[in-house]
Structures are given as structure tokens and as C-alpha cells.
């Protein structure tokens, strides 16, 4: 949402990935991660460690986890989340 003066201006977002420009979608996801409350996020070092495990996992396909269907970058950034694999990698 963008603020224009006293009124917030809303932007209509497409809901389906197939309707979005791939670059725009990933930019939006990175911006979302960057703007999360710091209290909800793991440290950047732990985030990188989690993603390193994901990169080596056979269940990683195009940024998504085949176990749970999440985008691993979104799952890995949150303190409350853990790897959905059995056994868990992080």
C-alpha cells in the first residue's frame, strides 16, 4: 500500500503466480522478507545456514519444498519455523 497524502492508495495484486511477471514476484517476496519485523526473523547468519541445508536437500525444486509446498526462503527466515522434512535438517 502506498500513502498519497492523507489517503492510502491500494494496488491490486494478481493472486496467481502464472499471472505475474517472474521477476516482479521474486522482488515482492524479497521485499516482504526485508520488511518483516526483526523480532520475527532469525539472524542473517542462521538464515544463510538454513538455506544452505535447503540447497543440498533433494526436496528443493525451484525454490519450493516438495515436503510442504512452501517457498524455502519464506520458511527459513521465520524464527517459529523449522524444516518440514523427516528428519528435520534445521
N, C-alpha and C. Protein backbone atom coordinates (compact mmCIF):
# COMPACT_ATOMS: atom_id res chain seq x y z
N UNK A 1 0.85 -1.16 0.00
CA UNK A 1 0.00 0.00 0.00
C UNK A 1 0.90 1.23 0.00
N UNK A 2 0.59 2.19 -0.80
CA UNK A 2 1.36 3.42 -0.90
C UNK A 2 0.54 4.55 -0.32
N UNK A 3 1.16 5.41 0.45
CA UNK A 3 0.45 6.53 1.06
C UNK A 3 0.60 7.75 0.16
N UNK A 4 -0.51 8.30 -0.27
CA UNK A 4 -0.52 9.50 -1.11
C UNK A 4 -1.23 10.60 -0.34
N UNK A 5 -0.47 11.42 0.36
CA UNK A 5 -1.09 12.46 1.17
C UNK A 5 -1.73 11.84 2.40
N UNK A 6 -3.01 12.12 2.58
CA UNK A 6 -3.73 11.61 3.73
C UNK A 6 -4.44 10.29 3.45
N UNK A 7 -4.50 9.91 2.18
CA UNK A 7 -5.23 8.68 1.84
C UNK A 7 -4.26 7.59 1.39
N UNK A 8 -4.38 6.40 1.98
CA UNK A 8 -3.57 5.30 1.47
C UNK A 8 -4.09 4.88 0.10
N UNK A 9 -3.19 4.61 -0.82
CA UNK A 9 -3.60 4.16 -2.15
C UNK A 9 -3.30 2.67 -2.25
N UNK A 10 -4.29 1.91 -2.62
CA UNK A 10 -4.14 0.46 -2.72
C UNK A 10 -3.82 0.05 -4.14
N UNK A 11 -2.98 -0.96 -4.25
CA UNK A 11 -2.65 -1.53 -5.54
C UNK A 11 -3.26 -2.91 -5.62
N UNK A 12 -3.86 -3.20 -6.72
CA UNK A 12 -4.42 -4.54 -6.94
C UNK A 12 -3.27 -5.46 -7.32
N UNK A 13 -3.11 -6.55 -6.61
CA UNK A 13 -2.07 -7.54 -6.91
C UNK A 13 -2.74 -8.77 -7.51
N UNK A 14 -2.11 -9.34 -8.49
CA UNK A 14 -2.62 -10.58 -9.06
C UNK A 14 -2.35 -11.69 -8.06
N UNK A 15 -3.25 -12.62 -8.00
CA UNK A 15 -3.16 -13.66 -6.97
C UNK A 15 -2.39 -14.89 -7.42
N UNK A 16 -2.37 -15.18 -8.69
CA UNK A 16 -1.75 -16.41 -9.16
C UNK A 16 -0.38 -16.14 -9.74
N UNK A 17 0.56 -17.02 -9.43
CA UNK A 17 1.91 -16.87 -9.95
C UNK A 17 1.92 -16.86 -11.47
N UNK A 18 1.07 -17.66 -12.08
CA UNK A 18 1.05 -17.73 -13.55
C UNK A 18 0.66 -16.41 -14.19
N UNK A 19 0.03 -15.53 -13.43
CA UNK A 19 -0.40 -14.24 -13.96
C UNK A 19 0.63 -13.13 -13.72
N UNK A 20 1.68 -13.45 -12.98
CA UNK A 20 2.64 -12.42 -12.60
C UNK A 20 3.94 -12.57 -13.38
N UNK A 21 4.61 -11.45 -13.57
CA UNK A 21 5.95 -11.45 -14.11
C UNK A 21 6.86 -12.09 -13.05
N UNK A 22 7.68 -13.05 -13.45
CA UNK A 22 8.50 -13.80 -12.50
C UNK A 22 9.43 -12.87 -11.71
N UNK A 23 10.05 -11.93 -12.37
CA UNK A 23 10.94 -11.01 -11.68
C UNK A 23 10.22 -10.19 -10.64
N UNK A 24 9.02 -9.73 -10.97
CA UNK A 24 8.23 -8.93 -10.04
C UNK A 24 7.86 -9.75 -8.82
N UNK A 25 7.48 -11.00 -9.05
CA UNK A 25 7.07 -11.85 -7.93
C UNK A 25 8.22 -12.03 -6.94
N UNK A 26 9.40 -12.36 -7.46
CA UNK A 26 10.54 -12.59 -6.57
C UNK A 26 11.01 -11.30 -5.91
N UNK A 27 10.90 -10.18 -6.60
CA UNK A 27 11.20 -8.89 -5.97
C UNK A 27 10.24 -8.62 -4.82
N UNK A 28 8.95 -8.92 -5.04
CA UNK A 28 7.94 -8.74 -3.99
C UNK A 28 8.24 -9.63 -2.79
N UNK A 29 8.65 -10.87 -3.03
CA UNK A 29 8.95 -11.78 -1.94
C UNK A 29 10.16 -11.30 -1.15
N UNK A 30 11.20 -10.87 -1.83
CA UNK A 30 12.39 -10.36 -1.14
C UNK A 30 12.05 -9.10 -0.33
N UNK A 31 11.24 -8.22 -0.90
CA UNK A 31 10.82 -7.01 -0.20
C UNK A 31 10.01 -7.37 1.05
N UNK A 32 9.13 -8.38 0.93
CA UNK A 32 8.34 -8.83 2.06
C UNK A 32 9.25 -9.34 3.18
N UNK A 33 10.23 -10.17 2.82
CA UNK A 33 11.17 -10.70 3.81
C UNK A 33 11.95 -9.56 4.46
N UNK A 34 12.43 -8.62 3.67
CA UNK A 34 13.20 -7.49 4.21
C UNK A 34 12.39 -6.65 5.18
N UNK A 35 11.09 -6.56 4.97
CA UNK A 35 10.24 -5.70 5.78
C UNK A 35 9.56 -6.39 6.95
N UNK A 36 9.83 -7.69 7.14
CA UNK A 36 9.29 -8.37 8.30
C UNK A 36 9.87 -7.77 9.58
N UNK A 37 9.09 -7.79 10.64
CA UNK A 37 9.56 -7.33 11.94
C UNK A 37 10.79 -8.13 12.33
N UNK A 38 11.85 -7.46 12.74
CA UNK A 38 13.11 -8.12 13.09
C UNK A 38 12.93 -9.13 14.22
N UNK A 39 11.96 -8.91 15.09
CA UNK A 39 11.70 -9.84 16.19
C UNK A 39 11.18 -11.19 15.70
N UNK A 40 10.65 -11.23 14.48
CA UNK A 40 10.11 -12.47 13.92
C UNK A 40 11.14 -13.26 13.14
N UNK A 41 12.23 -12.59 12.75
CA UNK A 41 13.20 -13.19 11.85
C UNK A 41 14.41 -13.75 12.60
N UNK A 42 14.99 -14.79 12.02
CA UNK A 42 16.25 -15.31 12.53
C UNK A 42 17.37 -14.35 12.09
N UNK A 43 18.54 -14.53 12.66
CA UNK A 43 19.68 -13.71 12.26
C UNK A 43 20.05 -14.03 10.81
N UNK A 44 20.74 -13.12 10.17
CA UNK A 44 21.13 -13.36 8.78
C UNK A 44 22.06 -14.57 8.68
N UNK A 45 22.89 -14.80 9.68
CA UNK A 45 23.78 -15.97 9.68
C UNK A 45 22.96 -17.26 9.75
N UNK A 46 21.99 -17.32 10.65
CA UNK A 46 21.16 -18.52 10.76
C UNK A 46 20.32 -18.71 9.50
N UNK A 47 19.83 -17.63 8.93
CA UNK A 47 19.06 -17.70 7.68
C UNK A 47 19.91 -18.33 6.58
N UNK A 48 21.14 -17.88 6.45
CA UNK A 48 22.05 -18.43 5.44
C UNK A 48 22.34 -19.91 5.70
N UNK A 49 22.50 -20.27 6.98
CA UNK A 49 22.74 -21.68 7.32
C UNK A 49 21.54 -22.55 6.95
N UNK A 50 20.35 -22.07 7.25
CA UNK A 50 19.14 -22.81 6.90
C UNK A 50 19.04 -23.00 5.38
N UNK A 51 19.28 -21.92 4.65
CA UNK A 51 19.19 -22.02 3.19
C UNK A 51 20.26 -22.94 2.62
N UNK A 52 21.42 -23.01 3.27
CA UNK A 52 22.47 -23.93 2.82
C UNK A 52 21.99 -25.37 2.93
N UNK A 53 21.28 -25.70 4.01
CA UNK A 53 20.71 -27.04 4.15
C UNK A 53 19.68 -27.29 3.04
N UNK A 54 18.85 -26.29 2.78
CA UNK A 54 17.82 -26.43 1.75
C UNK A 54 18.45 -26.65 0.37
N UNK A 55 19.51 -25.93 0.08
CA UNK A 55 20.18 -26.07 -1.22
C UNK A 55 20.67 -27.50 -1.46
N UNK A 56 21.03 -28.19 -0.40
CA UNK A 56 21.54 -29.56 -0.50
C UNK A 56 20.45 -30.61 -0.45
N UNK A 57 19.23 -30.21 -0.19
CA UNK A 57 18.12 -31.14 0.00
C UNK A 57 17.53 -31.60 -1.33
N UNK A 58 17.25 -32.89 -1.44
CA UNK A 58 16.63 -33.44 -2.65
C UNK A 58 15.19 -32.98 -2.83
N UNK A 59 14.60 -32.41 -1.78
CA UNK A 59 13.21 -31.96 -1.86
C UNK A 59 13.07 -30.51 -2.30
N UNK A 60 14.17 -29.86 -2.63
CA UNK A 60 14.13 -28.47 -3.11
C UNK A 60 13.96 -28.47 -4.63
N UNK A 61 12.88 -27.87 -5.09
CA UNK A 61 12.60 -27.76 -6.53
C UNK A 61 12.18 -26.32 -6.81
N UNK A 62 12.97 -25.61 -7.58
CA UNK A 62 12.66 -24.23 -7.98
C UNK A 62 12.27 -23.34 -6.81
N UNK A 63 13.03 -23.45 -5.72
CA UNK A 63 12.78 -22.59 -4.56
C UNK A 63 11.68 -23.07 -3.65
N UNK A 64 11.04 -24.19 -4.00
CA UNK A 64 9.94 -24.71 -3.19
C UNK A 64 10.32 -26.04 -2.55
N UNK A 65 9.76 -26.28 -1.39
CA UNK A 65 9.96 -27.53 -0.67
C UNK A 65 8.87 -28.51 -1.11
N UNK A 66 9.30 -29.67 -1.59
CA UNK A 66 8.31 -30.68 -2.02
C UNK A 66 7.61 -31.34 -0.84
N UNK A 67 8.15 -31.22 0.36
CA UNK A 67 7.52 -31.82 1.54
C UNK A 67 6.27 -31.03 1.93
N UNK A 68 6.41 -29.70 1.99
CA UNK A 68 5.28 -28.89 2.48
C UNK A 68 4.72 -27.91 1.46
N UNK A 69 5.46 -27.66 0.37
CA UNK A 69 4.97 -26.75 -0.66
C UNK A 69 5.32 -25.29 -0.43
N UNK A 70 6.09 -25.00 0.62
CA UNK A 70 6.43 -23.60 0.90
C UNK A 70 7.59 -23.14 0.02
N UNK A 71 7.74 -21.83 -0.07
CA UNK A 71 8.97 -21.26 -0.61
C UNK A 71 9.97 -21.26 0.54
N UNK A 72 11.08 -21.95 0.37
CA UNK A 72 12.00 -22.15 1.48
C UNK A 72 12.55 -20.84 2.03
N UNK A 73 12.72 -19.83 1.21
CA UNK A 73 13.23 -18.56 1.71
C UNK A 73 12.25 -17.91 2.69
N UNK A 74 10.96 -18.11 2.47
CA UNK A 74 9.95 -17.58 3.38
C UNK A 74 9.93 -18.40 4.68
N UNK A 75 10.04 -19.72 4.58
CA UNK A 75 10.02 -20.58 5.76
C UNK A 75 11.27 -20.36 6.60
N UNK A 76 12.42 -20.28 5.95
CA UNK A 76 13.69 -20.22 6.66
C UNK A 76 13.90 -18.92 7.43
N UNK A 77 13.28 -17.85 7.03
CA UNK A 77 13.52 -16.56 7.67
C UNK A 77 12.81 -16.42 9.02
N UNK A 78 11.76 -17.19 9.23
CA UNK A 78 10.94 -17.03 10.43
C UNK A 78 11.45 -17.87 11.60
N UNK A 79 11.60 -17.25 12.77
CA UNK A 79 12.06 -17.95 13.97
C UNK A 79 11.18 -19.15 14.31
N UNK A 80 9.88 -19.00 14.16
CA UNK A 80 8.95 -20.04 14.60
C UNK A 80 8.95 -21.27 13.70
N UNK A 81 9.55 -21.18 12.53
CA UNK A 81 9.50 -22.28 11.56
C UNK A 81 10.67 -23.23 11.72
N UNK A 82 10.47 -24.43 11.22
CA UNK A 82 11.54 -25.41 11.16
C UNK A 82 11.40 -26.18 9.86
N UNK A 83 12.41 -26.95 9.54
CA UNK A 83 12.38 -27.78 8.34
C UNK A 83 11.23 -28.79 8.46
N UNK A 84 10.43 -28.96 7.42
CA UNK A 84 9.33 -29.92 7.48
C UNK A 84 9.75 -31.36 7.18
N UNK A 85 11.01 -31.54 6.82
CA UNK A 85 11.49 -32.87 6.46
C UNK A 85 11.58 -33.81 7.65
N UNK A 86 11.67 -35.08 7.32
CA UNK A 86 11.86 -36.12 8.35
C UNK A 86 13.10 -36.89 7.95
N UNK A 87 14.19 -36.76 8.67
CA UNK A 87 14.37 -35.90 9.84
C UNK A 87 14.55 -34.45 9.43
N UNK A 88 14.28 -33.58 10.40
CA UNK A 88 14.43 -32.14 10.16
C UNK A 88 15.90 -31.81 9.95
N UNK A 89 16.18 -30.94 9.00
CA UNK A 89 17.56 -30.52 8.74
C UNK A 89 17.92 -29.27 9.52
N UNK A 90 16.92 -28.50 9.94
CA UNK A 90 17.15 -27.33 10.78
C UNK A 90 15.90 -27.04 11.60
